[in-house]
């Protein structure tokens, strides 16, 4: 295995990590902005009000996107093992 192949694997792994984390992080960000806007409009300054909706939204997003994440990771693993198995 050459150095360029190792860099290709690393680049693919980074893109895979971003593709797996992006949907959940974007949903967490959107819920955080909505809750912050709600707090600013109503002047409710409760600290736990930010965390509970984010935790629930991220948990639901993980349930929804877990099959996609598994398929992406499984495909990446199959691609790596196929490249390793080839002499």
C-alpha atoms as a PDB file:
ATOM      1  CA  UNK A   1       0.000   0.000   0.000  1.00  0.00           C
ATOM      2  CA  UNK A   2       1.437   3.311  -1.038  1.00  0.00           C
ATOM      3  CA  UNK A   3       1.272   6.634   0.729  1.00  0.00           C
ATOM      4  CA  UNK A   4      -1.239   8.028  -1.734  1.00  0.00           C
ATOM      5  CA  UNK A   5      -3.613   5.123  -1.078  1.00  0.00           C
ATOM      6  CA  UNK A   6      -3.399   5.764   2.652  1.00  0.00           C
ATOM      7  CA  UNK A   7      -4.218   9.431   2.074  1.00  0.00           C
ATOM      8  CA  UNK A   8      -7.165   8.412  -0.114  1.00  0.00           C
ATOM      9  CA  UNK A   9      -8.503   6.202   2.697  1.00  0.00           C
ATOM     10  CA  UNK A  10      -8.070   9.019   5.196  1.00  0.00           C
ATOM     11  CA  UNK A  11      -9.857  11.510   2.933  1.00  0.00           C
ATOM     12  CA  UNK A  12     -12.726   9.086   2.379  1.00  0.00           C
ATOM     13  CA  UNK A  13     -12.954   8.448   6.116  1.00  0.00           C
ATOM     14  CA  UNK A  14     -13.170  12.173   6.869  1.00  0.00           C
ATOM     15  CA  UNK A  15     -15.917  12.669   4.276  1.00  0.00           C
ATOM     16  CA  UNK A  16     -17.748   9.661   5.697  1.00  0.00           C
ATOM     17  CA  UNK A  17     -17.512  11.091   9.207  1.00  0.00           C
ATOM     18  CA  UNK A  18     -18.954  14.394   7.988  1.00  0.00           C
ATOM     19  CA  UNK A  19     -21.753  12.642   6.085  1.00  0.00           C
ATOM     20  CA  UNK A  20     -22.675  10.622   9.166  1.00  0.00           C
ATOM     21  CA  UNK A  21     -22.554  13.481  11.664  1.00  0.00           C
ATOM     22  CA  UNK A  22     -24.012  16.312   9.571  1.00  0.00           C
ATOM     23  CA  UNK A  23     -27.740  15.440   9.731  1.00  0.00           C
ATOM     24  CA  UNK A  24     -27.733  15.052  13.512  1.00  0.00           C
ATOM     25  CA  UNK A  25     -25.629  18.158  14.074  1.00  0.00           C
ATOM     26  CA  UNK A  26     -27.802  20.279  11.766  1.00  0.00           C
ATOM     27  CA  UNK A  27     -30.955  19.173  13.578  1.00  0.00           C
ATOM     28  CA  UNK A  28     -29.346  19.962  16.939  1.00  0.00           C
ATOM     29  CA  UNK A  29     -28.330  23.384  15.651  1.00  0.00           C
ATOM     30  CA  UNK A  30     -31.812  24.127  14.292  1.00  0.00           C
ATOM     31  CA  UNK A  31     -33.506  23.116  17.538  1.00  0.00           C
ATOM     32  CA  UNK A  32     -31.013  25.212  19.521  1.00  0.00           C
ATOM     33  CA  UNK A  33     -31.701  28.282  17.406  1.00  0.00           C
ATOM     34  CA  UNK A  34     -35.470  27.809  17.695  1.00  0.00           C
ATOM     35  CA  UNK A  35     -35.285  27.431  21.480  1.00  0.00           C
ATOM     36  CA  UNK A  36     -32.965  30.453  21.773  1.00  0.00           C
ATOM     37  CA  UNK A  37     -35.386  32.506  19.673  1.00  0.00           C
ATOM     38  CA  UNK A  38     -38.272  31.355  21.868  1.00  0.00           C
ATOM     39  CA  UNK A  39     -36.316  32.316  24.987  1.00  0.00           C
ATOM     40  CA  UNK A  40     -35.468  35.723  23.570  1.00  0.00           C
ATOM     41  CA  UNK A  41     -39.050  36.426  22.571  1.00  0.00           C
ATOM     42  CA  UNK A  42     -40.600  35.317  25.864  1.00  0.00           C
ATOM     43  CA  UNK A  43     -37.687  36.364  28.123  1.00  0.00           C
ATOM     44  CA  UNK A  44     -37.711  32.956  29.792  1.00  0.00           C
ATOM     45  CA  UNK A  45     -34.166  32.367  31.025  1.00  0.00           C
ATOM     46  CA  UNK A  46     -34.334  28.759  32.140  1.00  0.00           C
ATOM     47  CA  UNK A  47     -31.033  26.929  31.564  1.00  0.00           C
ATOM     48  CA  UNK A  48     -32.536  23.459  31.221  1.00  0.00           C
ATOM     49  CA  UNK A  49     -34.964  24.644  28.543  1.00  0.00           C
ATOM     50  CA  UNK A  50     -32.146  24.530  26.000  1.00  0.00           C
ATOM     51  CA  UNK A  51     -30.938  21.003  26.748  1.00  0.00           C
ATOM     52  CA  UNK A  52     -34.125  18.945  26.944  1.00  0.00           C
ATOM     53  CA  UNK A  53     -35.484  19.743  23.439  1.00  0.00           C
ATOM     54  CA  UNK A  54     -32.008  19.305  21.933  1.00  0.00           C
ATOM     55  CA  UNK A  55     -31.545  15.909  23.561  1.00  0.00           C
ATOM     56  CA  UNK A  56     -34.960  14.741  22.397  1.00  0.00           C
ATOM     57  CA  UNK A  57     -34.439  16.054  18.844  1.00  0.00           C
ATOM     58  CA  UNK A  58     -30.985  14.486  18.559  1.00  0.00           C
ATOM     59  CA  UNK A  59     -32.274  11.158  19.877  1.00  0.00           C
ATOM     60  CA  UNK A  60     -35.107  11.155  17.315  1.00  0.00           C
ATOM     61  CA  UNK A  61     -32.661  12.171  14.557  1.00  0.00           C
ATOM     62  CA  UNK A  62     -30.373   9.294  15.517  1.00  0.00           C
ATOM     63  CA  UNK A  63     -33.290   6.871  15.338  1.00  0.00           C
ATOM     64  CA  UNK A  64     -34.216   8.166  11.890  1.00  0.00           C
ATOM     65  CA  UNK A  65     -30.707   8.395  10.420  1.00  0.00           C
ATOM     66  CA  UNK A  66     -29.180   5.282  12.032  1.00  0.00           C
ATOM     67  CA  UNK A  67     -29.961   3.015   9.023  1.00  0.00           C
ATOM     68  CA  UNK A  68     -28.322   5.539   6.697  1.00  0.00           C
ATOM     69  CA  UNK A  69     -25.283   5.780   8.949  1.00  0.00           C
ATOM     70  CA  UNK A  70     -24.995   2.006   9.133  1.00  0.00           C
ATOM     71  CA  UNK A  71     -25.249   1.668   5.361  1.00  0.00           C
ATOM     72  CA  UNK A  72     -22.572   4.322   4.798  1.00  0.00           C
ATOM     73  CA  UNK A  73     -20.214   2.756   7.312  1.00  0.00           C
ATOM     74  CA  UNK A  74     -20.873  -0.750   5.999  1.00  0.00           C
ATOM     75  CA  UNK A  75     -20.187   0.323   2.422  1.00  0.00           C
ATOM     76  CA  UNK A  76     -16.955   2.004   3.489  1.00  0.00           C
ATOM     77  CA  UNK A  77     -15.837  -1.118   5.340  1.00  0.00           C
ATOM     78  CA  UNK A  78     -16.626  -3.340   2.354  1.00  0.00           C
ATOM     79  CA  UNK A  79     -14.656  -1.000   0.070  1.00  0.00           C
ATOM     80  CA  UNK A  80     -11.662  -1.092   2.416  1.00  0.00           C
ATOM     81  CA  UNK A  81     -11.698  -4.871   2.813  1.00  0.00           C
ATOM     82  CA  UNK A  82     -11.994  -5.320  -0.967  1.00  0.00           C
ATOM     83  CA  UNK A  83      -8.947  -3.093  -1.487  1.00  0.00           C
ATOM     84  CA  UNK A  84      -6.977  -4.930   1.205  1.00  0.00           C
ATOM     85  CA  UNK A  85      -7.913  -8.363  -0.144  1.00  0.00           C
ATOM     86  CA  UNK A  86      -6.650  -7.491  -3.623  1.00  0.00           C
ATOM     87  CA  UNK A  87      -2.935  -8.314  -3.859  1.00  0.00           C
END
